[in-house]
Amino acid sequence: MMPANISQREARGVFAGISDHGGWAVVVTASPEGALPDRRRIELVDADLPKIPHHSEAQSLPLPEAVALVERVRASAERHSVLALDALAGDFPGRIRGIALRRCPPLPPTIAERITDYHARNNADWVMYRQALAGAAEARGWRVHWFDAKKVLVEANQFVAGGNLDAHCPELRRQMGPPWTQDHKIALAASLVAARAD
């Protein structure tokens, strides 16, 4: 929930930066001024389903069964993405401008090809979750900003006081309390860059 001490000005026009993993993600919202209204962990798949099916479970199944499994995980990811963004929108009514997600590498067009191609299966699960989040955001009319994970921390430096995100983060960690991990830092940087780019 949004802390009571966050002003209307700070809360207006926030972007949600997302650092995703297999089946879950860290979400950090920040205003263009660098205020940190909210951070949360979101689950992106049902607990009884595999988190990285392309890379793991599908590899030991006959291909039709493997494709069906990935389809079930994808459908679950889409449902969870909608629920997660609904919750975020409920906490920031009318104030979310968009989300920031890591750029996706190119992949073959079909699930079967993604399962059988070595490079693709090592990336397809992450792409699946990002696409689910992007689709849920676009359905709400939110902008989707795609960021380069290798550059976003440097790019964000220009948007914080003193031009140093590393110096800015300890104060945010003090204000918000634990946890504060590299995922939170990346998500914060992504939200700042997206807000300024919009």
C-alpha atoms as a PDB file:
ATOM      1  CA  MET A   1       0.000   0.000   0.000  1.00  0.00           C
ATOM      2  CA  MET A   2       1.069   3.587  -0.589  1.00  0.00           C
ATOM      3  CA  PRO A   3       2.580   5.192   2.539  1.00  0.00           C
ATOM      4  CA  ALA A   4       0.499   8.037   3.964  1.00  0.00           C
ATOM      5  CA  ASN A   5       3.423  10.481   3.799  1.00  0.00           C
ATOM      6  CA  ILE A   6       3.635  10.334  -0.020  1.00  0.00           C
ATOM      7  CA  SER A   7       2.193  13.549  -1.471  1.00  0.00           C
ATOM      8  CA  GLN A   8      -0.318  13.703  -4.307  1.00  0.00           C
ATOM      9  CA  ARG A   9       2.373  15.280  -6.505  1.00  0.00           C
ATOM     10  CA  GLU A  10       4.815  12.450  -5.845  1.00  0.00           C
ATOM     11  CA  ALA A  11       2.209   9.762  -6.395  1.00  0.00           C
ATOM     12  CA  ARG A  12       0.943  11.197  -9.696  1.00  0.00           C
ATOM     13  CA  GLY A  13       2.299   9.680 -12.889  1.00  0.00           C
ATOM     14  CA  VAL A  14       4.229   6.731 -11.512  1.00  0.00           C
ATOM     15  CA  PHE A  15       5.800   3.973 -13.557  1.00  0.00           C
ATOM     16  CA  ALA A  16       6.192   0.441 -12.242  1.00  0.00           C
ATOM     17  CA  GLY A  17       9.656  -0.948 -12.898  1.00  0.00           C
ATOM     18  CA  ILE A  18       9.741  -4.738 -12.968  1.00  0.00           C
ATOM     19  CA  SER A  19      12.670  -7.097 -12.407  1.00  0.00           C
ATOM     20  CA  ASP A  20      11.363 -10.536 -13.303  1.00  0.00           C
ATOM     21  CA  HIS A  21      12.425 -14.075 -12.531  1.00  0.00           C
ATOM     22  CA  GLY A  22      10.985 -17.503 -13.193  1.00  0.00           C
ATOM     23  CA  GLY A  23       7.443 -17.253 -11.886  1.00  0.00           C
ATOM     24  CA  TRP A  24       7.784 -14.077  -9.801  1.00  0.00           C
ATOM     25  CA  ALA A  25       8.970 -10.498 -10.018  1.00  0.00           C
ATOM     26  CA  VAL A  26       9.913  -7.469  -7.961  1.00  0.00           C
ATOM     27  CA  VAL A  27       7.909  -4.330  -8.766  1.00  0.00           C
ATOM     28  CA  VAL A  28       9.008  -0.835  -7.740  1.00  0.00           C
ATOM     29  CA  THR A  29       6.982   2.285  -8.514  1.00  0.00           C
ATOM     30  CA  ALA A  30       8.645   5.672  -8.610  1.00  0.00           C
ATOM     31  CA  SER A  31       7.652   9.160  -9.614  1.00  0.00           C
ATOM     32  CA  PRO A  32       9.720  11.105 -12.141  1.00  0.00           C
ATOM     33  CA  GLU A  33      11.163  12.975  -9.143  1.00  0.00           C
ATOM     34  CA  GLY A  34      12.562   9.734  -7.724  1.00  0.00           C
ATOM     35  CA  ALA A  35      10.102   9.322  -4.832  1.00  0.00           C
ATOM     36  CA  LEU A  36       9.504   5.666  -4.001  1.00  0.00           C
ATOM     37  CA  PRO A  37       5.822   5.155  -3.235  1.00  0.00           C
ATOM     38  CA  ASP A  38       5.755   1.362  -3.326  1.00  0.00           C
ATOM     39  CA  ARG A  39       7.657  -1.879  -3.804  1.00  0.00           C
ATOM     40  CA  ARG A  40       6.270  -5.386  -3.835  1.00  0.00           C
ATOM     41  CA  ARG A  41       6.870  -8.957  -4.936  1.00  0.00           C
ATOM     42  CA  ILE A  42       4.319 -10.470  -7.281  1.00  0.00           C
ATOM     43  CA  GLU A  43       3.703 -14.115  -8.109  1.00  0.00           C
ATOM     44  CA  LEU A  44       3.266 -14.827 -11.812  1.00  0.00           C
ATOM     45  CA  VAL A  45       2.136 -18.454 -11.914  1.00  0.00           C
ATOM     46  CA  ASP A  46       0.012 -20.890  -9.936  1.00  0.00           C
ATOM     47  CA  ALA A  47       1.945 -22.610  -7.152  1.00  0.00           C
ATOM     48  CA  ASP A  48       1.252 -26.092  -8.545  1.00  0.00           C
ATOM     49  CA  LEU A  49       2.678 -25.322 -11.991  1.00  0.00           C
ATOM     50  CA  PRO A  50       6.346 -25.359 -13.013  1.00  0.00           C
ATOM     51  CA  LYS A  51       8.041 -21.957 -13.108  1.00  0.00           C
ATOM     52  CA  ILE A  52      10.408 -22.504 -16.053  1.00  0.00           C
ATOM     53  CA  PRO A  53       8.707 -25.142 -18.210  1.00  0.00           C
ATOM     54  CA  HIS A  54      10.523 -24.467 -21.511  1.00  0.00           C
ATOM     55  CA  HIS A  55      13.896 -24.871 -19.848  1.00  0.00           C
ATOM     56  CA  SER A  56      13.108 -27.665 -17.420  1.00  0.00           C
ATOM     57  CA  GLU A  57       9.974 -29.805 -17.243  1.00  0.00           C
ATOM     58  CA  ALA A  58       9.156 -29.720 -20.971  1.00  0.00           C
ATOM     59  CA  GLN A  59      12.528 -31.205 -21.795  1.00  0.00           C
ATOM     60  CA  SER A  60      11.546 -34.605 -20.400  1.00  0.00           C
ATOM     61  CA  LEU A  61       8.096 -34.830 -22.040  1.00  0.00           C
ATOM     62  CA  PRO A  62       6.936 -35.865 -25.499  1.00  0.00           C
ATOM     63  CA  LEU A  63       6.661 -32.678 -27.541  1.00  0.00           C
ATOM     64  CA  PRO A  64       2.813 -32.468 -27.671  1.00  0.00           C
ATOM     65  CA  GLU A  65       2.642 -32.849 -23.877  1.00  0.00           C
ATOM     66  CA  ALA A  66       5.448 -30.336 -23.440  1.00  0.00           C
ATOM     67  CA  VAL A  67       3.631 -27.762 -25.569  1.00  0.00           C
ATOM     68  CA  ALA A  68       0.412 -28.323 -23.612  1.00  0.00           C
ATOM     69  CA  LEU A  69       2.281 -27.815 -20.330  1.00  0.00           C
ATOM     70  CA  VAL A  70       3.796 -24.538 -21.520  1.00  0.00           C
ATOM     71  CA  GLU A  71       0.351 -23.384 -22.649  1.00  0.00           C
ATOM     72  CA  ARG A  72      -1.035 -24.020 -19.147  1.00  0.00           C
ATOM     73  CA  VAL A  73       1.820 -22.054 -17.573  1.00  0.00           C
ATOM     74  CA  ARG A  74       1.376 -19.220 -20.079  1.00  0.00           C
ATOM     75  CA  ALA A  75      -2.359 -18.992 -19.326  1.00  0.00           C
ATOM     76  CA  SER A  76      -1.603 -18.909 -15.604  1.00  0.00           C
ATOM     77  CA  ALA A  77       1.010 -16.187 -16.129  1.00  0.00           C
ATOM     78  CA  GLU A  78      -1.520 -14.096 -18.013  1.00  0.00           C
ATOM     79  CA  ARG A  79      -4.088 -14.444 -15.207  1.00  0.00           C
ATOM     80  CA  HIS A  80      -1.554 -13.597 -12.510  1.00  0.00           C
ATOM     81  CA  SER A  81      -0.276 -10.606 -14.482  1.00  0.00           C
ATOM     82  CA  VAL A  82      -3.784  -9.170 -14.697  1.00  0.00           C
ATOM     83  CA  LEU A  83      -4.326  -9.700 -10.957  1.00  0.00           C
ATOM     84  CA  ALA A  84      -0.973  -8.119 -10.069  1.00  0.00           C
ATOM     85  CA  LEU A  85      -1.596  -5.026 -12.175  1.00  0.00           C
ATOM     86  CA  ASP A  86      -5.179  -4.783 -10.898  1.00  0.00           C
ATOM     87  CA  ALA A  87      -3.787  -4.670  -7.354  1.00  0.00           C
ATOM     88  CA  LEU A  88      -1.224  -2.045  -8.324  1.00  0.00           C
ATOM     89  CA  ALA A  89      -3.866   0.074 -10.041  1.00  0.00           C
ATOM     90  CA  GLY A  90      -6.085  -0.228  -6.966  1.00  0.00           C
ATOM     91  CA  ASP A  91      -3.315   1.178  -4.780  1.00  0.00           C
ATOM     92  CA  PHE A  92      -2.596   4.021  -7.231  1.00  0.00           C
ATOM     93  CA  PRO A  93      -6.005   4.831  -8.752  1.00  0.00           C
ATOM     94  CA  GLY A  94      -5.569   6.778 -11.968  1.00  0.00           C
ATOM     95  CA  ARG A  95      -1.863   7.342 -11.364  1.00  0.00           C
ATOM     96  CA  ILE A  96      -0.066   4.517 -13.164  1.00  0.00           C
ATOM     97  CA  ARG A  97       1.276   5.623 -16.539  1.00  0.00           C
ATOM     98  CA  GLY A  98       2.943   2.362 -17.445  1.00  0.00           C
ATOM     99  CA  ILE A  99       5.365  -0.416 -16.637  1.00  0.00           C
ATOM    100  CA  ALA A 100       9.012  -1.016 -17.501  1.00  0.00           C
ATOM    101  CA  LEU A 101      10.168  -4.499 -18.510  1.00  0.00           C
ATOM    102  CA  ARG A 102      13.484  -5.973 -19.642  1.00  0.00           C
ATOM    103  CA  ARG A 103      13.831  -6.225 -23.384  1.00  0.00           C
ATOM    104  CA  CYS A 104      13.099  -9.650 -24.807  1.00  0.00           C
ATOM    105  CA  PRO A 105      15.543 -11.473 -27.057  1.00  0.00           C
ATOM    106  CA  PRO A 106      14.158 -12.714 -30.374  1.00  0.00           C
ATOM    107  CA  LEU A 107      12.745 -16.233 -30.250  1.00  0.00           C
ATOM    108  CA  PRO A 108      11.281 -18.721 -32.734  1.00  0.00           C
ATOM    109  CA  PRO A 109       7.553 -18.173 -33.280  1.00  0.00           C
ATOM    110  CA  THR A 110       6.169 -21.454 -31.923  1.00  0.00           C
ATOM    111  CA  ILE A 111       6.256 -23.064 -28.496  1.00  0.00           C
ATOM    112  CA  ALA A 112       7.525 -26.308 -30.018  1.00  0.00           C
ATOM    113  CA  GLU A 113      10.488 -24.495 -31.573  1.00  0.00           C
ATOM    114  CA  ARG A 114      11.210 -22.694 -28.311  1.00  0.00           C
ATOM    115  CA  ILE A 115      11.294 -25.997 -26.441  1.00  0.00           C
ATOM    116  CA  THR A 116      13.583 -27.744 -28.920  1.00  0.00           C
ATOM    117  CA  ASP A 117      15.999 -24.889 -29.712  1.00  0.00           C
ATOM    118  CA  TYR A 118      18.790 -24.651 -27.115  1.00  0.00           C
ATOM    119  CA  HIS A 119      19.131 -20.849 -27.117  1.00  0.00           C
ATOM    120  CA  ALA A 120      15.375 -20.315 -27.154  1.00  0.00           C
ATOM    121  CA  ARG A 121      14.567 -22.636 -24.264  1.00  0.00           C
ATOM    122  CA  ASN A 122      17.089 -20.765 -22.102  1.00  0.00           C
ATOM    123  CA  ASN A 123      15.181 -17.512 -22.638  1.00  0.00           C
ATOM    124  CA  ALA A 124      11.603 -18.464 -23.432  1.00  0.00           C
ATOM    125  CA  ASP A 125      10.283 -18.652 -19.873  1.00  0.00           C
ATOM    126  CA  TRP A 126      11.414 -15.126 -19.033  1.00  0.00           C
ATOM    127  CA  VAL A 127       9.993 -13.833 -22.302  1.00  0.00           C
ATOM    128  CA  MET A 128       6.690 -15.596 -21.553  1.00  0.00           C
ATOM    129  CA  TYR A 129       6.308 -13.762 -18.225  1.00  0.00           C
ATOM    130  CA  ARG A 130       7.309 -10.398 -19.693  1.00  0.00           C
ATOM    131  CA  GLN A 131       4.836 -10.809 -22.541  1.00  0.00           C
ATOM    132  CA  ALA A 132       2.093 -11.679 -20.062  1.00  0.00           C
ATOM    133  CA  LEU A 133       2.830  -8.533 -18.045  1.00  0.00           C
ATOM    134  CA  ALA A 134       3.059  -6.400 -21.172  1.00  0.00           C
ATOM    135  CA  GLY A 135      -0.276  -7.725 -22.423  1.00  0.00           C
ATOM    136  CA  ALA A 136      -1.956  -7.029 -19.085  1.00  0.00           C
ATOM    137  CA  ALA A 137      -0.555  -3.484 -19.045  1.00  0.00           C
ATOM    138  CA  GLU A 138      -1.592  -2.734 -22.608  1.00  0.00           C
ATOM    139  CA  ALA A 139      -5.106  -4.032 -21.888  1.00  0.00           C
ATOM    140  CA  ARG A 140      -5.329  -1.381 -19.150  1.00  0.00           C
ATOM    141  CA  GLY A 141      -4.135   1.322 -21.546  1.00  0.00           C
ATOM    142  CA  TRP A 142      -0.759   1.582 -19.843  1.00  0.00           C
ATOM    143  CA  ARG A 143       2.450   2.264 -21.724  1.00  0.00           C
ATOM    144  CA  VAL A 144       5.083  -0.503 -21.845  1.00  0.00           C
ATOM    145  CA  HIS A 145       8.695   0.673 -21.749  1.00  0.00           C
ATOM    146  CA  TRP A 146      11.329  -1.942 -22.651  1.00  0.00           C
ATOM    147  CA  PHE A 147      14.681  -1.377 -20.941  1.00  0.00           C
ATOM    148  CA  ASP A 148      18.183  -2.715 -21.460  1.00  0.00           C
ATOM    149  CA  ALA A 149      19.199  -4.412 -18.198  1.00  0.00           C
ATOM    150  CA  LYS A 150      22.883  -3.799 -18.942  1.00  0.00           C
ATOM    151  CA  LYS A 151      22.393  -0.040 -19.303  1.00  0.00           C
ATOM    152  CA  VAL A 152      19.460   0.939 -17.095  1.00  0.00           C
ATOM    153  CA  LEU A 153      21.444   1.487 -13.881  1.00  0.00           C
ATOM    154  CA  VAL A 154      23.771   3.934 -15.624  1.00  0.00           C
ATOM    155  CA  GLU A 155      20.896   5.636 -17.449  1.00  0.00           C
ATOM    156  CA  ALA A 156      19.039   6.183 -14.164  1.00  0.00           C
ATOM    157  CA  ASN A 157      21.944   8.115 -12.615  1.00  0.00           C
ATOM    158  CA  GLN A 158      20.903  11.294 -14.409  1.00  0.00           C
ATOM    159  CA  PHE A 159      17.487  11.223 -12.770  1.00  0.00           C
ATOM    160  CA  VAL A 160      18.487  11.141  -9.082  1.00  0.00           C
ATOM    161  CA  ALA A 161      19.907  13.862  -6.869  1.00  0.00           C
ATOM    162  CA  GLY A 162      23.658  13.982  -7.147  1.00  0.00           C
ATOM    163  CA  GLY A 163      23.614  11.883 -10.310  1.00  0.00           C
ATOM    164  CA  ASN A 164      24.407   8.678  -8.424  1.00  0.00           C
ATOM    165  CA  LEU A 165      21.791   5.951  -8.000  1.00  0.00           C
ATOM    166  CA  ASP A 166      24.104   3.972  -5.718  1.00  0.00           C
ATOM    167  CA  ALA A 167      24.224   6.920  -3.323  1.00  0.00           C
ATOM    168  CA  HIS A 168      20.443   7.340  -3.517  1.00  0.00           C
ATOM    169  CA  CYS A 169      19.577   3.705  -2.684  1.00  0.00           C
ATOM    170  CA  PRO A 170      20.798   3.547   0.957  1.00  0.00           C
ATOM    171  CA  GLU A 171      18.401   6.352   1.884  1.00  0.00           C
ATOM    172  CA  LEU A 172      15.532   4.571   0.156  1.00  0.00           C
ATOM    173  CA  ARG A 173      16.486   1.347   1.941  1.00  0.00           C
ATOM    174  CA  ARG A 174      16.466   3.216   5.253  1.00  0.00           C
ATOM    175  CA  GLN A 175      13.049   4.730   4.539  1.00  0.00           C
ATOM    176  CA  MET A 176      11.425   1.544   3.265  1.00  0.00           C
ATOM    177  CA  GLY A 177      13.211  -1.078   5.362  1.00  0.00           C
ATOM    178  CA  PRO A 178      14.202  -4.533   4.133  1.00  0.00           C
ATOM    179  CA  PRO A 179      14.187  -6.208   1.745  1.00  0.00           C
ATOM    180  CA  TRP A 180      16.219  -4.102  -0.675  1.00  0.00           C
ATOM    181  CA  THR A 181      18.075  -6.186  -3.240  1.00  0.00           C
ATOM    182  CA  GLN A 182      19.655  -5.763  -6.667  1.00  0.00           C
ATOM    183  CA  ASP A 183      16.232  -6.550  -8.125  1.00  0.00           C
ATOM    184  CA  HIS A 184      14.740  -3.568  -6.296  1.00  0.00           C
ATOM    185  CA  LYS A 185      17.545  -1.346  -7.551  1.00  0.00           C
ATOM    186  CA  ILE A 186      17.067  -2.482 -11.167  1.00  0.00           C
ATOM    187  CA  ALA A 187      13.288  -2.050 -10.937  1.00  0.00           C
ATOM    188  CA  LEU A 188      13.717   1.431  -9.443  1.00  0.00           C
ATOM    189  CA  ALA A 189      16.162   2.418 -12.184  1.00  0.00           C
ATOM    190  CA  ALA A 190      13.779   1.099 -14.841  1.00  0.00           C
ATOM    191  CA  SER A 191      10.850   3.042 -13.403  1.00  0.00           C
ATOM    192  CA  LEU A 192      12.885   6.292 -13.360  1.00  0.00           C
ATOM    193  CA  VAL A 193      14.116   5.864 -16.929  1.00  0.00           C
ATOM    194  CA  ALA A 194      10.607   4.956 -18.153  1.00  0.00           C
ATOM    195  CA  ALA A 195       8.996   7.910 -16.399  1.00  0.00           C
ATOM    196  CA  ARG A 196      11.418  10.361 -17.962  1.00  0.00           C
ATOM    197  CA  ALA A 197      11.189   8.751 -21.391  1.00  0.00           C
ATOM    198  CA  ASP A 198       7.388   8.914 -21.470  1.00  0.00           C
END
